[in-house]
Amino acid sequence: MNLLILGAGAWGTALAIQASQRHAVTLWARDADHANRLLSQRLNSSYLPGHTFPEGLTSSHAPLPGLIQRADLLVLAVPMAALRQVLLEVSPFIQEKPLAWLCKGFEAVPGSALPTDKAYGLMAHEVQAQVAPAMLAGVLSGPSFAQEVAAGQPTALVAASRHASVRQALVNAFHADKLRVYANEDVVGVETGGAVKNVLAIATGLCDGLQLGLNARAALITRGLAEMTRLGVALGARAETFMGLSGLGDLVLTATGDLSRNRQVGMGLAQGRSLGEVLQSLGHVAEGVYSARTVVDRAALADVDMPIASAVVSVLEGQLTAQQAVAGLMGRGAKGE
């Protein structure tokens, strides 16, 4: 099987390393210098240092049409903000080949609040429906840190698509002894979980940064899961999806793991650092920062109450301090679970 992975960041590289132990994999970088370093060093020193490339993995900056023609599966390892443009670039050449994206989030809407024309941020499958509705596409998601996948530590992911051929292609490409891939038809649920968990991880980082204790963390994760499920069901997802890998699984990992960039954002803000300082120190994208406002706006449009996500937006936008946000959540009136 020939795989083409577009995007040579940490996550794309980690999956390329794993898959290339069984398949021929090309890791494509948009920046020519970056691609040349990958080729000469046989590792991604910029985003995933310490993990050398297997023999089956090569890097490239060659024109996409030829690479796509030789590929059996195309994987887009790009941030949510770049997804629309990349889909536009590849759609003329993809034909009926399966494609999957790895990004988690909602496409941002210009401005800081819901526009008066009710425009709202789209999930990845909604972007694809606008750009290339006939494309055979899906998403690979779930609880996963790039460093652990690259190191061959046990991981489980979910491959979601309404097309059985896409689900099977992802299973064939990535399922292995140390990496399990479960198929799922609920794209809306899988993508909602992947987007909202990043925002909730910032909230957990705020909680941990303020040293509020494990009781508070457990309560926040549990109530956050309820928020995630409410939004997903309102958007057409199945409630049981949020008890799986892309819901509860990804939320627990991102909200508690020390490798979580979104959790680190919350901790940094709780310690009194500015958002700019925190993001600069990370050196990588923290998707929750860019999708938080859009998640809350989409929830408002669907008449879904998301107090934890709304509190995160208030902190990110400088309207509340971390202490004020937590106090506001704890001061809400009593209600049934």
Protein backbone atom coordinates (compact mmCIF):
# COMPACT_ATOMS: atom_id res chain seq x y z
CA MET A 1 0.00 0.00 0.00
CA ASN A 2 1.32 3.46 -0.92
CA LEU A 3 0.46 6.26 1.49
CA LEU A 4 0.88 9.99 0.91
CA ILE A 5 0.79 12.13 4.06
CA LEU A 6 0.58 15.88 3.46
CA GLY A 7 1.99 17.85 6.38
CA ALA A 8 5.26 17.11 8.12
CA GLY A 9 4.41 18.25 11.61
CA ALA A 10 4.61 16.06 14.69
CA TRP A 11 1.40 14.08 14.17
CA GLY A 12 1.81 13.51 10.45
CA THR A 13 5.39 12.38 11.04
CA ALA A 14 4.40 10.02 13.86
CA LEU A 15 1.79 8.26 11.72
CA ALA A 16 4.22 8.13 8.81
CA ILE A 17 6.82 6.43 11.02
CA GLN A 18 4.33 3.83 12.20
CA ALA A 19 2.78 3.10 8.81
CA SER A 20 6.12 2.93 7.00
CA GLN A 21 7.03 -0.18 8.97
CA ARG A 22 4.46 -2.01 6.81
CA HIS A 23 3.83 0.23 3.80
CA ALA A 24 5.60 2.64 1.47
CA VAL A 25 4.97 6.14 2.86
CA THR A 26 5.76 9.56 1.42
CA LEU A 27 5.75 12.45 3.91
CA TRP A 28 5.18 15.68 1.98
CA ALA A 29 6.30 19.05 3.32
CA ARG A 30 5.15 22.32 1.78
CA ASP A 31 8.44 24.01 2.69
CA ALA A 32 11.30 22.80 0.47
CA ASP A 33 13.98 23.38 3.11
CA HIS A 34 12.02 21.37 5.65
CA ALA A 35 11.57 18.52 3.17
CA ASN A 36 15.27 18.51 2.38
CA ARG A 37 16.17 18.34 6.10
CA LEU A 38 13.81 15.40 6.56
CA LEU A 39 15.45 13.65 3.64
CA SER A 40 19.04 14.28 4.73
CA GLN A 41 18.64 13.80 8.49
CA ARG A 42 16.15 10.89 8.31
CA LEU A 43 14.22 12.41 11.19
CA ASN A 44 12.01 15.42 11.91
CA SER A 45 14.26 17.45 14.20
CA SER A 46 11.90 20.45 14.07
CA TYR A 47 8.71 18.77 15.28
CA LEU A 48 9.46 15.22 16.44
CA PRO A 49 13.12 14.90 17.42
CA GLY A 50 14.57 11.58 18.48
CA HIS A 51 12.59 9.33 16.14
CA THR A 52 14.51 8.16 13.07
CA PHE A 53 12.69 7.23 9.88
CA PRO A 54 12.25 3.56 8.88
CA GLU A 55 13.42 2.49 5.44
CA GLY A 56 9.87 2.60 4.07
CA LEU A 57 9.51 6.33 4.75
CA THR A 58 10.64 9.02 2.36
CA SER A 59 10.06 12.77 2.35
CA SER A 60 9.23 14.96 -0.61
CA HIS A 61 8.40 18.43 -1.84
CA ALA A 62 7.56 17.26 -5.36
CA PRO A 63 4.44 18.52 -7.21
CA LEU A 64 1.31 16.95 -5.78
CA PRO A 65 -0.39 15.63 -8.94
CA GLY A 66 2.27 13.00 -9.56
CA LEU A 67 2.47 11.97 -5.90
CA ILE A 68 -1.31 11.66 -5.62
CA GLN A 69 -1.46 9.55 -8.77
CA ARG A 70 0.86 6.94 -7.20
CA ALA A 71 -0.86 6.92 -3.79
CA ASP A 72 -3.51 4.46 -2.61
CA LEU A 73 -4.49 6.66 0.36
CA LEU A 74 -4.06 10.39 0.97
CA VAL A 75 -3.84 11.68 4.56
CA LEU A 76 -4.02 15.41 5.33
CA ALA A 77 -1.94 16.16 8.44
CA VAL A 78 -2.59 19.91 8.38
CA PRO A 79 -4.16 22.30 10.92
CA MET A 80 -7.86 23.05 10.66
CA ALA A 81 -7.09 26.52 9.36
CA ALA A 82 -5.34 25.04 6.31
CA LEU A 83 -7.80 22.27 5.50
CA ARG A 84 -9.98 24.17 3.02
CA GLN A 85 -7.02 25.33 0.93
CA VAL A 86 -5.40 21.88 0.87
CA LEU A 87 -8.66 20.21 -0.14
CA LEU A 88 -8.96 22.72 -2.98
CA GLU A 89 -5.42 21.86 -4.09
CA VAL A 90 -5.84 18.08 -4.10
CA SER A 91 -9.47 17.72 -5.23
CA PRO A 92 -8.73 17.95 -8.98
CA PHE A 93 -6.36 14.98 -8.76
CA ILE A 94 -7.83 12.72 -6.08
CA GLN A 95 -10.62 11.18 -8.24
CA GLU A 96 -12.04 8.17 -6.35
CA LYS A 97 -9.09 7.54 -4.04
CA PRO A 98 -9.77 7.55 -0.30
CA LEU A 99 -8.70 10.62 1.69
CA ALA A 100 -8.67 11.36 5.41
CA TRP A 101 -7.78 14.34 7.57
CA LEU A 102 -6.28 14.41 11.05
CA CYS A 103 -7.19 17.94 12.18
CA LYS A 104 -9.54 18.55 15.10
CA GLY A 105 -11.56 21.72 15.42
CA PHE A 106 -13.98 24.10 13.77
CA GLU A 107 -13.01 26.38 10.92
CA ALA A 108 -12.70 29.89 12.32
CA VAL A 109 -15.14 32.65 11.37
CA PRO A 110 -13.75 36.19 10.99
CA GLY A 111 -14.56 38.33 14.00
CA SER A 112 -14.86 37.50 17.68
CA ALA A 113 -18.59 36.84 17.92
CA LEU A 114 -21.36 35.20 15.92
CA PRO A 115 -21.99 37.31 12.81
CA THR A 116 -25.42 38.79 12.30
CA ASP A 117 -25.93 36.70 9.15
CA LYS A 118 -25.60 33.56 11.30
CA ALA A 119 -22.45 32.36 9.56
CA TYR A 120 -20.70 29.77 11.69
CA GLY A 121 -17.54 27.72 11.77
CA LEU A 122 -17.62 24.38 10.03
CA MET A 123 -16.31 20.98 11.03
CA ALA A 124 -13.89 19.32 8.64
CA HIS A 125 -16.49 17.17 6.91
CA GLU A 126 -18.64 20.26 6.34
CA VAL A 127 -15.70 22.07 4.74
CA GLN A 128 -15.13 19.05 2.49
CA ALA A 129 -18.83 19.01 1.54
CA GLN A 130 -18.46 22.58 0.27
CA VAL A 131 -15.12 22.10 -1.49
CA ALA A 132 -15.45 18.61 -2.99
CA PRO A 133 -18.77 16.93 -2.10
CA ALA A 134 -18.08 13.84 -4.22
CA MET A 135 -14.78 13.07 -2.49
CA LEU A 136 -14.46 9.74 -0.66
CA ALA A 137 -13.29 11.17 2.64
CA GLY A 138 -13.20 10.68 6.39
CA VAL A 139 -11.32 11.42 9.58
CA LEU A 140 -8.75 9.58 11.71
CA SER A 141 -9.04 10.70 15.32
CA GLY A 142 -8.78 9.56 18.93
CA PRO A 143 -6.57 9.85 22.03
CA SER A 144 -3.01 10.08 20.75
CA PHE A 145 0.19 11.95 21.47
CA ALA A 146 2.58 12.00 18.54
CA GLN A 147 5.63 11.14 20.65
CA GLU A 148 4.04 7.95 21.97
CA VAL A 149 2.81 6.79 18.56
CA ALA A 150 6.24 7.39 17.01
CA ALA A 151 7.81 5.39 19.86
CA GLY A 152 5.48 2.45 19.21
CA GLN A 153 3.58 2.73 22.49
CA PRO A 154 0.08 1.18 22.47
CA THR A 155 -2.55 3.52 21.01
CA ALA A 156 -6.15 3.19 19.76
CA LEU A 157 -7.72 5.43 17.13
CA VAL A 158 -11.04 5.67 15.34
CA ALA A 159 -11.53 5.90 11.56
CA ALA A 160 -14.81 7.62 10.76
CA SER A 161 -16.44 7.99 7.36
CA ARG A 162 -19.78 7.40 5.71
CA HIS A 163 -17.85 5.49 3.06
CA ALA A 164 -16.92 1.91 3.96
CA SER A 165 -14.00 2.04 1.53
CA VAL A 166 -12.43 4.94 3.42
CA ARG A 167 -12.84 3.26 6.78
CA GLN A 168 -11.27 0.07 5.45
CA ALA A 169 -8.38 1.93 3.80
CA LEU A 170 -7.53 3.61 7.12
CA VAL A 171 -7.69 0.30 8.97
CA ASN A 172 -5.48 -1.34 6.34
CA ALA A 173 -2.99 1.52 6.49
CA PHE A 174 -2.59 2.02 10.23
CA HIS A 175 -3.93 -0.96 12.20
CA ALA A 176 -1.02 -2.90 13.68
CA ASP A 177 0.24 -4.63 16.83
CA LYS A 178 0.75 -1.36 18.74
CA LEU A 179 -1.86 0.78 16.96
CA ARG A 180 -5.48 -0.32 16.89
CA VAL A 181 -7.93 1.37 14.54
CA TYR A 182 -11.69 1.07 15.11
CA ALA A 183 -14.17 1.92 12.33
CA ASN A 184 -17.11 4.26 12.95
CA GLU A 185 -19.76 5.79 10.69
CA ASP A 186 -20.54 8.75 12.99
CA VAL A 187 -18.35 11.47 11.47
CA VAL A 188 -20.26 14.26 13.24
CA GLY A 189 -19.72 12.69 16.65
CA VAL A 190 -16.06 11.91 16.08
CA GLU A 191 -15.31 15.42 14.82
CA THR A 192 -17.33 17.15 17.55
CA GLY A 193 -15.44 15.22 20.21
CA GLY A 194 -12.10 16.04 18.64
CA ALA A 195 -12.92 19.74 18.51
CA VAL A 196 -14.52 20.28 21.90
CA LYS A 197 -12.00 18.24 23.90
CA ASN A 198 -9.28 20.77 23.02
CA VAL A 199 -11.31 23.59 24.55
CA LEU A 200 -12.07 21.52 27.64
CA ALA A 201 -8.39 20.68 27.99
CA ILE A 202 -7.63 24.40 28.30
CA ALA A 203 -10.21 24.53 31.09
CA THR A 204 -8.54 21.62 32.86
CA GLY A 205 -5.20 23.37 32.49
CA LEU A 206 -6.68 26.41 34.19
CA CYS A 207 -7.89 24.17 37.01
CA ASP A 208 -4.51 22.46 37.39
CA GLY A 209 -2.61 25.72 37.10
CA LEU A 210 -4.64 27.13 39.97
CA GLN A 211 -3.93 23.94 41.95
CA LEU A 212 -7.60 23.33 42.66
CA GLY A 213 -7.09 19.60 43.18
CA LEU A 214 -8.12 16.29 41.65
CA ASN A 215 -11.76 16.58 42.75
CA ALA A 216 -12.12 19.74 40.70
CA ARG A 217 -10.39 18.16 37.72
CA ALA A 218 -12.70 15.13 37.79
CA ALA A 219 -15.79 17.31 38.04
CA LEU A 220 -14.64 19.52 35.18
CA ILE A 221 -13.89 16.59 32.87
CA THR A 222 -17.22 14.95 33.64
CA ARG A 223 -19.27 18.10 33.14
CA GLY A 224 -17.22 18.91 30.07
CA LEU A 225 -18.13 15.55 28.60
CA ALA A 226 -21.79 16.44 29.15
CA GLU A 227 -21.27 19.70 27.24
CA MET A 228 -19.54 17.90 24.39
CA THR A 229 -22.35 15.34 24.14
CA ARG A 230 -25.08 17.99 24.15
CA LEU A 231 -23.48 19.86 21.27
CA GLY A 232 -22.77 16.72 19.28
CA VAL A 233 -26.30 15.36 19.59
CA ALA A 234 -27.71 18.76 18.60
CA LEU A 235 -25.55 18.64 15.46
CA GLY A 236 -26.71 15.15 14.54
CA ALA A 237 -24.23 12.85 16.30
CA ARG A 238 -25.00 9.67 18.20
CA ALA A 239 -24.73 10.06 21.97
CA GLU A 240 -22.86 6.76 22.36
CA THR A 241 -19.99 8.05 20.22
CA PHE A 242 -18.94 10.33 23.07
CA MET A 243 -18.38 7.33 25.34
CA GLY A 244 -15.75 6.10 22.87
CA LEU A 245 -12.23 6.93 21.79
CA SER A 246 -12.95 10.25 20.10
CA GLY A 247 -15.08 11.49 22.99
CA LEU A 248 -14.23 10.37 26.52
CA GLY A 249 -10.92 8.81 25.47
CA ASP A 250 -9.53 11.88 23.75
CA LEU A 251 -10.90 14.18 26.46
CA VAL A 252 -9.20 12.29 29.27
CA LEU A 253 -5.88 12.20 27.44
CA THR A 254 -5.85 15.85 26.42
CA ALA A 255 -7.18 17.13 29.72
CA THR A 256 -4.74 15.22 31.93
CA GLY A 257 -1.63 14.44 29.88
CA ASP A 258 1.52 16.48 30.40
CA LEU A 259 2.15 16.38 26.64
CA SER A 260 -1.12 18.18 25.90
CA ARG A 261 -0.48 21.61 24.38
CA ASN A 262 -4.02 22.75 25.12
CA ARG A 263 -3.67 21.85 28.78
CA GLN A 264 -0.36 23.73 28.84
CA VAL A 265 -2.15 26.82 27.51
CA GLY A 266 -4.58 26.72 30.42
CA MET A 267 -1.81 26.20 32.96
CA GLY A 268 0.17 29.10 31.55
CA LEU A 269 -2.80 31.45 31.69
CA ALA A 270 -3.56 30.36 35.26
CA GLN A 271 0.00 31.30 36.20
CA GLY A 272 -0.57 34.86 34.97
CA ARG A 273 1.22 34.66 31.62
CA SER A 274 -0.30 36.30 28.56
CA LEU A 275 -1.79 34.20 25.79
CA GLY A 276 0.87 35.43 23.40
CA GLU A 277 3.65 34.38 25.74
CA VAL A 278 2.14 30.94 26.24
CA LEU A 279 1.69 30.29 22.53
CA GLN A 280 5.19 31.47 21.72
CA SER A 281 6.67 29.11 24.29
CA LEU A 282 4.76 26.13 22.85
CA GLY A 283 6.15 26.42 19.34
CA HIS A 284 3.28 24.27 18.04
CA VAL A 285 -0.39 24.82 17.27
CA ALA A 286 -2.85 24.51 20.16
CA GLU A 287 -6.09 23.98 18.27
CA GLY A 288 -8.32 24.77 21.24
CA VAL A 289 -7.19 28.39 21.21
CA TYR A 290 -8.28 28.85 17.62
CA SER A 291 -11.54 26.91 17.78
CA ALA A 292 -12.88 27.88 21.23
CA ARG A 293 -14.84 30.91 20.09
CA THR A 294 -16.23 29.05 17.08
CA VAL A 295 -17.31 26.10 19.24
CA VAL A 296 -19.20 28.41 21.59
CA ASP A 297 -20.80 30.33 18.72
CA ARG A 298 -21.90 27.11 17.04
CA ALA A 299 -23.39 25.95 20.35
CA ALA A 300 -25.26 29.23 20.75
CA LEU A 301 -26.73 28.87 17.28
CA ALA A 302 -27.89 25.36 18.20
CA ASP A 303 -29.26 26.62 21.55
CA VAL A 304 -26.85 24.41 23.49
CA ASP A 305 -25.58 25.53 26.91
CA MET A 306 -21.78 25.17 27.24
CA PRO A 307 -20.72 27.09 30.38
CA ILE A 308 -17.23 25.57 30.64
CA ALA A 309 -16.35 26.28 27.02
CA SER A 310 -17.81 29.79 27.37
CA ALA A 311 -15.63 30.41 30.43
CA VAL A 312 -12.56 29.35 28.45
CA VAL A 313 -13.43 31.83 25.70
CA SER A 314 -13.77 34.61 28.28
CA VAL A 315 -10.29 33.85 29.62
CA LEU A 316 -8.72 33.55 26.15
CA GLU A 317 -10.24 36.86 25.10
CA GLY A 318 -9.14 38.63 28.29
CA GLN A 319 -12.62 39.22 29.68
CA LEU A 320 -12.02 37.13 32.81
CA THR A 321 -9.03 35.91 34.76
CA ALA A 322 -8.67 32.19 35.41
CA GLN A 323 -9.75 32.75 39.02
CA GLN A 324 -12.85 34.67 37.95
CA ALA A 325 -13.81 32.03 35.40
CA VAL A 326 -13.60 29.23 37.96
CA ALA A 327 -15.54 31.28 40.51
CA GLY A 328 -18.25 31.90 37.95
CA LEU A 329 -18.59 28.20 37.18
CA MET A 330 -18.75 27.24 40.85
CA GLY A 331 -21.27 30.00 41.55
CA ARG A 332 -23.84 28.71 39.09
CA GLY A 333 -27.21 27.73 40.56
CA ALA A 334 -27.91 24.16 41.61
CA LYS A 335 -29.46 21.87 38.99
CA GLY A 336 -30.06 18.22 38.26
CA GLU A 337 -27.27 16.23 36.63
